[in-house]
Amino acid sequence: MKNLKKTVWALWMALLLVADLAAAGAGASDPAGELFLLGKNAVHDKQWQDAISHWGKFVEKQAGDPRADEALYWLAYSLNQAAAESGDMARQAAQREQAMKKVEFLLDRYADSRWASDARMLRIELAERLVKAGKVQYKQYVTRGAEAENGSDINVKLVALDALLQMDAEKALPILKRIIRENKDKNIRAKALFVLSQHDDPSVAPLLGEIARKDADPYVREQAVFWLGQQDGDVGLKNLIDLYAEIKDPKLKEKVLFSISQSDSEESFRKLLEIAKTDPELEMREKAVFWMGQSDDQRAPGALMEMFRANSDPGLRKKIIFSLGQLESAQGAAFLKEIATGNFPDELKGEAVFWIGQKGGEANANLLKELYDGNASLAVREKILFSLSQNDSPAALKHLLAVARGEKNPELRKKAIFWIGQSDSDEAAKFLQQLVDQE
């Protein structure tokens, strides 16, 4: 979960940098432009010491430049990144304190800068890391940021709350919960849910469940469901199961089902099986069957086979065949063969043949030829020829060549020749040349 937070922050910074590289290049013709571009390129290449050098020179020599505020920001950012890569704790703290001074200067000198909001967020990150290093005097920046009025800098407030959760959850949680319940901007509420979801307080899962049920906006409800599915332990799953029974919105219910499927617990599989067997909505049963096919649970093949036998709906049976085709299971593969050779409609036989063909390998190529020889249905035999063409083993081509040479049905023979023509093997080319020479 914490890695996800770091990934989101890193992505934001990458987008911010890429968006400004063009502007840096455009300024390369002015006296400071080359130095500015060198700084940007060093940040882009993550050459932090070079970046510190270039931005430091720019700040020192170009104090009156209209880009001085941005240079200060990237200097502070580079110092922080260099600190992160340093193995020396004292050096880390010293570089971050230098970065903090640059941020403070930026915010004092350029209060209206477009970089002010980013600088405030960076200041909070610096403060959080410095507090963890034992420099508790910096906690004030986190606390002030979290307690500030929402205003137009709500993103800074959320970053501060995220940091404060790690330091003083009792102070941060009530503020964060108030934003989630009361802020009028759905995007802010959704961002606040993300921050909340990164914390392991026992009150998090119930609140996510509450928002999933009650928030006025569908997007926010869906975000609550998603983050509920990312919660560790049984509490999140229990809330999801309760939610599934309560909500009526089909789209949200589908999101809940997906989140249930992401848990690899026994309880999650039991719930999927229950939905697949008993849900009054056929569409939800089909989706539960789909997610069972993505499961690593050893009970999945047997459960899917049992449902196939117990159901007569063609659509649901096709979904079950699809899910069996997704599983790496000898039991499931044997059942697909049973369907392909049994007393079932051609449509279902064709589906089973298709998924046998997708598994590849010589053994499955031989199985397909065995099915071809034992099947009287023209439609199913055409499916088998197609599946052989998708199998890249030498055995599959051998079987196609045998059909092309010996099949009495002209339509099937044409199909085999067509699929041989899609092969790039020398043997296929030689066979086709022989056919041409015979004409």
Protein backbone atom coordinates (compact mmCIF):
# COMPACT_ATOMS: atom_id res chain seq x y z
CA MET A 1 0.00 0.00 0.00
CA LYS A 2 2.76 2.44 0.91
CA ASN A 3 4.53 1.62 -2.36
CA LEU A 4 1.41 2.71 -4.22
CA LYS A 5 1.59 6.11 -2.52
CA LYS A 6 5.22 6.51 -3.56
CA THR A 7 4.36 5.48 -7.11
CA VAL A 8 1.61 8.09 -7.37
CA TRP A 9 3.96 10.82 -6.09
CA ALA A 10 6.73 9.78 -8.48
CA LEU A 11 4.32 9.76 -11.41
CA TRP A 12 3.10 13.25 -10.53
CA MET A 13 6.64 14.59 -10.45
CA ALA A 14 7.52 12.89 -13.75
CA LEU A 15 4.51 14.46 -15.47
CA LEU A 16 5.37 17.84 -13.97
CA LEU A 17 8.91 17.65 -15.30
CA VAL A 18 8.02 16.43 -18.79
CA ALA A 19 5.43 19.20 -19.14
CA ASP A 20 8.12 21.80 -18.51
CA LEU A 21 11.06 20.40 -20.50
CA ALA A 22 9.75 21.96 -23.71
CA ALA A 23 9.52 25.33 -22.04
CA ALA A 24 13.08 24.94 -20.82
CA GLY A 25 14.27 24.17 -24.33
CA ALA A 26 12.45 27.16 -25.71
CA GLY A 27 14.43 29.37 -23.37
CA ALA A 28 17.83 28.01 -24.33
CA SER A 29 18.60 31.02 -26.52
CA ASP A 30 18.61 33.56 -23.65
CA PRO A 31 21.74 34.00 -21.48
CA ALA A 32 20.53 31.72 -18.69
CA GLY A 33 18.61 29.34 -20.94
CA GLU A 34 21.42 26.83 -21.40
CA LEU A 35 22.00 26.54 -17.66
CA PHE A 36 18.24 26.19 -17.08
CA LEU A 37 18.01 23.40 -19.66
CA LEU A 38 21.02 21.61 -18.16
CA GLY A 39 19.23 21.64 -14.81
CA LYS A 40 16.03 20.23 -16.30
CA ASN A 41 17.88 17.51 -18.18
CA ALA A 42 19.80 16.51 -15.05
CA VAL A 43 16.55 16.13 -13.13
CA HIS A 44 15.02 14.15 -15.98
CA ASP A 45 18.08 11.84 -16.02
CA LYS A 46 18.07 11.62 -12.18
CA GLN A 47 21.62 12.95 -12.01
CA TRP A 48 21.01 14.68 -8.70
CA GLN A 49 24.48 16.06 -7.99
CA ASP A 50 24.62 17.62 -11.46
CA ALA A 51 21.12 18.98 -10.95
CA ILE A 52 22.12 20.54 -7.62
CA SER A 53 25.14 22.14 -9.28
CA HIS A 54 23.22 23.55 -12.27
CA TRP A 55 20.25 24.84 -10.24
CA GLY A 56 22.56 26.24 -7.56
CA LYS A 57 24.43 28.26 -10.18
CA PHE A 58 21.19 29.48 -11.74
CA VAL A 59 19.81 30.63 -8.39
CA GLU A 60 23.08 32.36 -7.52
CA LYS A 61 23.59 34.14 -10.85
CA GLN A 62 20.04 34.72 -12.07
CA ALA A 63 18.21 36.01 -9.01
CA GLY A 64 16.23 38.47 -11.14
CA ASP A 65 15.27 35.92 -13.79
CA PRO A 66 11.50 35.27 -14.04
CA ARG A 67 12.27 31.56 -13.71
CA ALA A 68 14.11 31.94 -10.39
CA ASP A 69 11.14 30.55 -8.43
CA GLU A 70 11.07 27.39 -10.53
CA ALA A 71 14.85 27.03 -10.22
CA LEU A 72 14.53 27.23 -6.42
CA TYR A 73 11.88 24.53 -6.49
CA TRP A 74 13.98 22.13 -8.58
CA LEU A 75 17.06 22.85 -6.46
CA ALA A 76 15.12 21.86 -3.32
CA TYR A 77 13.65 18.85 -5.09
CA SER A 78 17.10 17.68 -6.27
CA LEU A 79 18.56 18.06 -2.78
CA ASN A 80 15.77 15.89 -1.41
CA GLN A 81 16.30 13.22 -4.07
CA ALA A 82 20.06 13.22 -3.51
CA ALA A 83 19.42 12.76 0.21
CA ALA A 84 17.22 9.75 -0.53
CA GLU A 85 20.11 8.07 -2.35
CA SER A 86 22.68 8.83 0.32
CA GLY A 87 23.59 6.11 2.79
CA ASP A 88 24.79 8.64 5.35
CA MET A 89 22.00 9.60 7.77
CA ALA A 90 23.69 12.84 8.81
CA ARG A 91 24.21 13.85 5.18
CA GLN A 92 20.58 13.02 4.40
CA ALA A 93 19.36 15.32 7.16
CA ALA A 94 21.78 18.09 6.15
CA GLN A 95 20.68 18.01 2.49
CA ARG A 96 17.02 18.04 3.46
CA GLU A 97 17.57 21.00 5.75
CA GLN A 98 19.25 22.80 2.84
CA ALA A 99 16.24 21.91 0.69
CA MET A 100 13.90 23.24 3.38
CA LYS A 101 15.71 26.59 3.34
CA LYS A 102 15.33 26.85 -0.44
CA VAL A 103 11.59 26.10 -0.17
CA GLU A 104 11.15 28.66 2.59
CA PHE A 105 12.97 31.28 0.52
CA LEU A 106 10.80 30.48 -2.51
CA LEU A 107 7.57 30.82 -0.50
CA ASP A 108 8.75 34.02 1.21
CA ARG A 109 10.08 35.76 -1.91
CA TYR A 110 7.58 34.43 -4.49
CA ALA A 111 4.33 33.97 -2.58
CA ASP A 112 2.23 34.11 -5.75
CA SER A 113 4.41 31.75 -7.76
CA ARG A 114 2.78 28.95 -9.70
CA TRP A 115 5.30 26.73 -7.95
CA ALA A 116 4.09 27.70 -4.48
CA SER A 117 1.64 24.81 -4.14
CA ASP A 118 4.24 22.24 -5.24
CA ALA A 119 6.75 23.85 -2.90
CA ARG A 120 4.36 23.52 0.04
CA MET A 121 3.85 19.82 -0.74
CA LEU A 122 7.62 19.34 -0.97
CA ARG A 123 8.05 21.16 2.33
CA ILE A 124 5.68 18.69 3.98
CA GLU A 125 7.58 15.71 2.59
CA LEU A 126 10.87 17.21 3.78
CA ALA A 127 9.41 17.91 7.21
CA GLU A 128 8.06 14.37 7.53
CA ARG A 129 11.45 12.85 6.74
CA LEU A 130 13.31 15.28 9.01
CA VAL A 131 10.97 14.48 11.91
CA LYS A 132 11.67 10.78 11.36
CA ALA A 133 15.37 11.64 11.53
CA GLY A 134 14.81 13.11 15.00
CA LYS A 135 14.45 16.80 14.08
CA VAL A 136 11.05 17.28 15.70
CA GLN A 137 11.07 21.05 15.20
CA TYR A 138 9.91 20.49 11.63
CA LYS A 139 6.66 18.79 12.69
CA GLN A 140 5.04 22.24 12.79
CA TYR A 141 4.98 22.37 8.98
CA VAL A 142 3.03 19.13 8.81
CA THR A 143 0.60 20.10 11.56
CA ARG A 144 0.00 23.58 10.15
CA GLY A 145 -0.58 22.20 6.68
CA ALA A 146 -3.07 19.64 7.94
CA GLU A 147 -5.02 22.11 10.06
CA ALA A 148 -5.12 24.92 7.48
CA GLU A 149 -8.42 25.93 5.93
CA ASN A 150 -9.23 24.04 2.73
CA GLY A 151 -9.09 27.02 0.39
CA SER A 152 -7.62 26.51 -3.04
CA ASP A 153 -4.63 24.57 -1.66
CA ILE A 154 -6.56 21.49 -0.58
CA ASN A 155 -4.00 19.23 -2.26
CA VAL A 156 -1.34 20.57 0.08
CA LYS A 157 -3.65 19.91 3.01
CA LEU A 158 -4.12 16.30 1.92
CA VAL A 159 -0.38 15.75 1.57
CA ALA A 160 0.07 17.20 5.06
CA LEU A 161 -2.66 14.94 6.44
CA ASP A 162 -1.00 11.94 4.88
CA ALA A 163 2.25 12.84 6.61
CA LEU A 164 0.51 13.65 9.88
CA LEU A 165 -1.17 10.22 9.87
CA GLN A 166 2.27 8.71 10.32
CA MET A 167 3.11 11.04 13.21
CA ASP A 168 -0.13 11.76 15.02
CA ALA A 169 -3.08 9.73 13.77
CA GLU A 170 -5.38 10.96 16.55
CA LYS A 171 -5.00 14.50 15.27
CA ALA A 172 -5.06 13.71 11.55
CA LEU A 173 -7.93 11.23 11.28
CA PRO A 174 -10.77 13.54 12.42
CA ILE A 175 -9.67 16.23 9.94
CA LEU A 176 -9.42 13.74 7.10
CA LYS A 177 -12.78 12.17 7.91
CA ARG A 178 -14.42 15.58 7.95
CA ILE A 179 -13.09 16.31 4.44
CA ILE A 180 -14.37 12.95 3.20
CA ARG A 181 -17.84 13.50 4.64
CA GLU A 182 -18.29 17.23 4.08
CA ASN A 183 -16.17 18.59 1.21
CA LYS A 184 -18.37 19.54 -1.75
CA ASP A 185 -15.78 18.67 -4.42
CA LYS A 186 -16.05 15.00 -5.41
CA ASN A 187 -12.42 14.93 -6.61
CA ILE A 188 -11.19 16.19 -3.25
CA ARG A 189 -13.28 13.57 -1.45
CA ALA A 190 -11.83 10.88 -3.71
CA LYS A 191 -8.26 12.07 -3.05
CA ALA A 192 -8.95 12.10 0.67
CA LEU A 193 -10.17 8.50 0.44
CA PHE A 194 -6.85 7.54 -1.12
CA VAL A 195 -4.94 9.18 1.73
CA LEU A 196 -7.16 7.46 4.28
CA SER A 197 -6.76 4.07 2.60
CA GLN A 198 -2.98 4.16 3.15
CA HIS A 199 -3.47 4.10 6.92
CA ASP A 200 -4.08 0.92 8.92
CA ASP A 201 -6.32 2.39 11.62
CA PRO A 202 -9.28 0.07 12.49
CA SER A 203 -11.73 2.85 11.65
CA VAL A 204 -10.61 3.06 8.00
CA ALA A 205 -12.51 0.07 6.55
CA PRO A 206 -15.86 0.97 8.18
CA LEU A 207 -15.58 4.55 6.93
CA LEU A 208 -14.80 3.38 3.40
CA GLY A 209 -17.87 1.17 3.63
CA GLU A 210 -19.96 4.11 4.83
CA ILE A 211 -18.83 6.27 1.90
CA ALA A 212 -19.49 3.44 -0.55
CA ARG A 213 -23.06 3.32 0.70
CA LYS A 214 -23.86 6.98 1.25
CA ASP A 215 -21.75 9.38 -0.82
CA ALA A 216 -23.81 11.38 -3.28
CA ASP A 217 -21.43 10.83 -6.19
CA PRO A 218 -21.03 7.46 -7.99
CA TYR A 219 -17.33 8.08 -8.69
CA VAL A 220 -16.57 8.60 -4.99
CA ARG A 221 -18.55 5.49 -4.06
CA GLU A 222 -16.58 3.47 -6.60
CA GLN A 223 -13.28 4.79 -5.22
CA ALA A 224 -14.36 3.82 -1.71
CA VAL A 225 -15.11 0.29 -2.92
CA PHE A 226 -11.76 0.03 -4.71
CA TRP A 227 -9.73 1.13 -1.68
CA LEU A 228 -11.80 -1.11 0.55
CA GLY A 229 -10.64 -3.99 -1.60
CA GLN A 230 -7.02 -2.96 -1.00
CA GLN A 231 -7.32 -3.19 2.78
CA ASP A 232 -5.28 -5.88 4.48
CA GLY A 233 -6.89 -8.57 6.59
CA ASP A 234 -10.49 -9.73 6.88
CA VAL A 235 -12.10 -6.42 7.85
CA GLY A 236 -12.10 -4.98 4.33
CA LEU A 237 -13.45 -8.21 2.84
CA LYS A 238 -16.22 -8.43 5.44
CA ASN A 239 -17.29 -4.88 4.61
CA LEU A 240 -17.32 -5.73 0.90
CA ILE A 241 -19.46 -8.82 1.46
CA ASP A 242 -21.92 -6.79 3.53
CA LEU A 243 -21.93 -4.11 0.82
CA TYR A 244 -22.72 -6.61 -1.90
CA ALA A 245 -25.85 -7.69 -0.05
CA GLU A 246 -27.03 -4.11 0.55
CA ILE A 247 -26.42 -2.04 -2.58
CA LYS A 248 -28.73 -1.99 -5.60
CA ASP A 249 -26.73 -0.05 -8.19
CA PRO A 250 -25.57 -2.70 -10.74
CA LYS A 251 -22.41 -0.82 -11.73
CA LEU A 252 -21.30 -0.37 -8.12
CA LYS A 253 -22.21 -3.95 -7.34
CA GLU A 254 -19.92 -5.05 -10.14
CA LYS A 255 -17.09 -3.00 -8.58
CA VAL A 256 -17.74 -4.67 -5.25
CA LEU A 257 -17.59 -8.10 -6.89
CA PHE A 258 -14.28 -7.20 -8.50
CA SER A 259 -12.85 -6.07 -5.14
CA ILE A 260 -14.01 -9.30 -3.51
CA SER A 261 -12.25 -11.27 -6.24
CA GLN A 262 -8.92 -9.52 -5.51
CA SER A 263 -8.65 -11.19 -2.12
CA ASP A 264 -6.99 -14.59 -2.17
CA SER A 265 -8.67 -15.72 1.05
CA GLU A 266 -10.91 -18.75 1.46
CA GLU A 267 -13.81 -16.47 2.41
CA SER A 268 -13.44 -14.54 -0.85
CA PHE A 269 -13.65 -17.72 -2.96
CA ARG A 270 -16.67 -18.93 -0.98
CA LYS A 271 -18.45 -15.66 -1.70
CA LEU A 272 -17.63 -15.81 -5.41
CA LEU A 273 -18.97 -19.36 -5.53
CA GLU A 274 -22.13 -18.33 -3.71
CA ILE A 275 -22.75 -15.46 -6.13
CA ALA A 276 -22.02 -17.68 -9.14
CA LYS A 277 -24.55 -20.26 -7.95
CA THR A 278 -27.35 -18.23 -6.39
CA ASP A 279 -27.33 -14.56 -7.40
CA PRO A 280 -30.72 -13.64 -8.91
CA GLU A 281 -28.98 -11.56 -11.60
CA LEU A 282 -27.55 -13.74 -14.37
CA GLU A 283 -25.01 -11.04 -15.29
CA MET A 284 -23.55 -11.06 -11.77
CA ARG A 285 -23.41 -14.86 -11.79
CA GLU A 286 -21.49 -14.73 -15.07
CA LYS A 287 -19.04 -12.16 -13.69
CA ALA A 288 -18.47 -14.28 -10.57
CA VAL A 289 -17.73 -17.25 -12.84
CA PHE A 290 -15.23 -15.10 -14.75
CA TRP A 291 -13.36 -14.14 -11.58
CA MET A 292 -13.34 -17.76 -10.42
CA GLY A 293 -11.44 -18.49 -13.64
CA GLN A 294 -8.77 -15.98 -12.53
CA SER A 295 -8.46 -17.65 -9.13
CA ASP A 296 -5.57 -19.76 -7.89
CA ASP A 297 -7.91 -21.62 -5.56
CA GLN A 298 -7.61 -25.38 -6.09
CA ARG A 299 -11.37 -25.75 -5.69
CA ALA A 300 -12.08 -23.60 -8.75
CA PRO A 301 -12.02 -26.35 -11.44
CA GLY A 302 -14.30 -28.67 -9.49
CA ALA A 303 -16.72 -25.88 -8.61
CA LEU A 304 -16.92 -24.71 -12.24
CA MET A 305 -17.49 -28.23 -13.50
CA GLU A 306 -20.27 -28.77 -10.98
CA MET A 307 -21.96 -25.53 -12.07
CA PHE A 308 -21.68 -26.50 -15.73
CA ARG A 309 -23.51 -29.76 -15.05
CA ALA A 310 -26.14 -28.07 -12.89
CA ASN A 311 -26.99 -25.25 -15.33
CA SER A 312 -28.74 -25.29 -18.67
CA ASP A 313 -28.34 -21.61 -19.63
CA PRO A 314 -26.10 -21.57 -22.76
CA GLY A 315 -24.60 -18.17 -21.98
CA LEU A 316 -23.58 -19.14 -18.46
CA ARG A 317 -22.21 -22.46 -19.70
CA LYS A 318 -20.04 -20.61 -22.24
CA LYS A 319 -18.72 -18.39 -19.44
CA ILE A 320 -17.88 -21.50 -17.41
CA ILE A 321 -16.00 -23.02 -20.37
CA PHE A 322 -14.09 -19.73 -20.74
CA SER A 323 -13.11 -19.78 -17.07
CA LEU A 324 -12.04 -23.42 -17.24
CA GLY A 325 -9.87 -22.43 -20.19
CA GLN A 326 -8.11 -19.82 -18.03
CA LEU A 327 -7.12 -22.27 -15.32
CA GLU A 328 -3.87 -24.21 -15.31
CA SER A 329 -5.59 -27.41 -14.25
CA ALA A 330 -5.40 -30.96 -15.59
CA GLN A 331 -8.86 -31.55 -14.15
CA GLY A 332 -10.27 -28.57 -16.04
CA ALA A 333 -8.51 -29.58 -19.28
CA ALA A 334 -9.97 -33.09 -19.04
CA PHE A 335 -13.43 -31.62 -18.61
CA LEU A 336 -13.00 -29.45 -21.71
CA LYS A 337 -12.23 -32.65 -23.63
CA GLU A 338 -15.35 -34.22 -22.13
CA ILE A 339 -17.44 -31.30 -23.40
CA ALA A 340 -15.82 -31.41 -26.84
CA THR A 341 -16.60 -35.13 -27.24
CA GLY A 342 -19.85 -35.37 -25.28
CA ASN A 343 -23.52 -34.96 -26.05
CA PHE A 344 -23.55 -31.18 -26.07
CA PRO A 345 -24.61 -28.55 -28.61
CA ASP A 346 -22.03 -27.75 -31.29
CA GLU A 347 -21.70 -24.20 -29.96
CA LEU A 348 -20.47 -25.47 -26.58
CA LYS A 349 -18.25 -28.08 -28.20
CA GLY A 350 -16.72 -25.36 -30.35
CA GLU A 351 -16.00 -23.22 -27.27
CA ALA A 352 -14.28 -26.14 -25.55
CA VAL A 353 -12.21 -26.83 -28.68
CA PHE A 354 -11.17 -23.19 -28.87
CA TRP A 355 -9.81 -23.13 -25.31
CA ILE A 356 -8.05 -26.45 -25.76
CA GLY A 357 -6.36 -24.87 -28.77
CA GLN A 358 -5.28 -21.83 -26.76
CA LYS A 359 -3.26 -23.96 -24.38
CA GLY A 360 -0.76 -24.90 -27.11
CA GLY A 361 1.82 -27.68 -27.07
CA GLU A 362 2.15 -31.02 -28.81
CA ALA A 363 -0.12 -32.89 -26.41
CA ASN A 364 -3.00 -30.53 -27.10
CA ALA A 365 -2.32 -30.65 -30.85
CA ASN A 366 -2.64 -34.44 -30.71
CA LEU A 367 -5.81 -34.10 -28.63
CA LEU A 368 -7.31 -31.76 -31.24
CA LYS A 369 -6.56 -34.27 -34.01
CA GLU A 370 -8.16 -37.01 -31.91
CA LEU A 371 -11.24 -34.79 -31.48
CA TYR A 372 -11.27 -34.08 -35.23
CA ASP A 373 -11.23 -37.77 -36.13
CA GLY A 374 -14.01 -38.59 -33.67
CA ASN A 375 -16.37 -35.71 -34.42
CA ALA A 376 -19.02 -35.81 -37.14
CA SER A 377 -20.07 -32.16 -36.87
CA LEU A 378 -18.79 -30.00 -39.72
CA ALA A 379 -18.92 -26.81 -37.58
CA VAL A 380 -16.92 -28.38 -34.75
CA ARG A 381 -14.33 -29.83 -37.14
CA GLU A 382 -13.86 -26.35 -38.65
CA LYS A 383 -13.24 -25.02 -35.13
CA ILE A 384 -10.68 -27.78 -34.57
CA LEU A 385 -8.82 -26.84 -37.75
CA PHE A 386 -8.70 -23.23 -36.62
CA SER A 387 -7.41 -24.28 -33.18
CA LEU A 388 -4.72 -26.40 -34.81
CA SER A 389 -3.63 -23.34 -36.76
CA GLN A 390 -3.17 -21.46 -33.47
CA ASN A 391 -0.95 -24.17 -32.03
CA ASP A 392 2.70 -23.55 -32.92
CA SER A 393 3.95 -27.11 -32.35
CA PRO A 394 5.22 -29.20 -35.29
CA ALA A 395 2.49 -31.73 -34.47
CA ALA A 396 -0.24 -29.19 -35.23
CA LEU A 397 1.12 -28.50 -38.72
CA LYS A 398 1.51 -32.24 -39.32
CA HIS A 399 -2.16 -32.77 -38.51
CA LEU A 400 -3.27 -29.92 -40.77
CA LEU A 401 -1.20 -31.36 -43.61
CA ALA A 402 -2.82 -34.77 -43.04
CA VAL A 403 -6.28 -33.21 -43.32
CA ALA A 404 -5.28 -31.27 -46.45
CA ARG A 405 -4.01 -34.44 -48.09
CA GLY A 406 -6.62 -36.96 -47.00
CA GLU A 407 -9.88 -35.21 -46.05
CA LYS A 408 -12.76 -36.23 -48.35
CA ASN A 409 -14.93 -33.24 -47.49
CA PRO A 410 -13.84 -30.47 -49.92
CA GLU A 411 -14.87 -27.63 -47.56
CA LEU A 412 -12.79 -28.97 -44.68
CA ARG A 413 -9.87 -29.63 -47.02
CA LYS A 414 -10.04 -26.00 -48.23
CA LYS A 415 -10.07 -24.80 -44.60
CA ALA A 416 -7.00 -26.88 -43.79
CA ILE A 417 -5.15 -25.54 -46.84
CA PHE A 418 -6.10 -21.98 -45.93
CA TRP A 419 -4.67 -22.35 -42.40
CA ILE A 420 -1.53 -24.03 -43.73
CA GLY A 421 -1.12 -20.93 -45.89
CA GLN A 422 -0.92 -18.81 -42.73
CA SER A 423 2.13 -20.75 -41.55
CA ASP A 424 5.63 -19.46 -42.25
CA SER A 425 7.30 -22.88 -42.08
CA ASP A 426 9.32 -24.35 -44.94
CA GLU A 427 7.24 -27.53 -44.83
CA ALA A 428 4.03 -25.54 -45.33
CA ALA A 429 5.57 -23.63 -48.25
CA LYS A 430 6.76 -26.87 -49.85
CA PHE A 431 3.28 -28.40 -49.58
CA LEU A 432 1.61 -25.34 -51.12
CA GLN A 433 4.12 -25.35 -53.98
CA GLN A 434 3.26 -28.98 -54.66
CA LEU A 435 -0.43 -28.07 -54.87
CA VAL A 436 0.36 -25.31 -57.36
CA ASP A 437 2.50 -27.68 -59.46
CA GLN A 438 -0.34 -30.21 -59.61
CA GLU A 439 -2.73 -27.70 -61.18
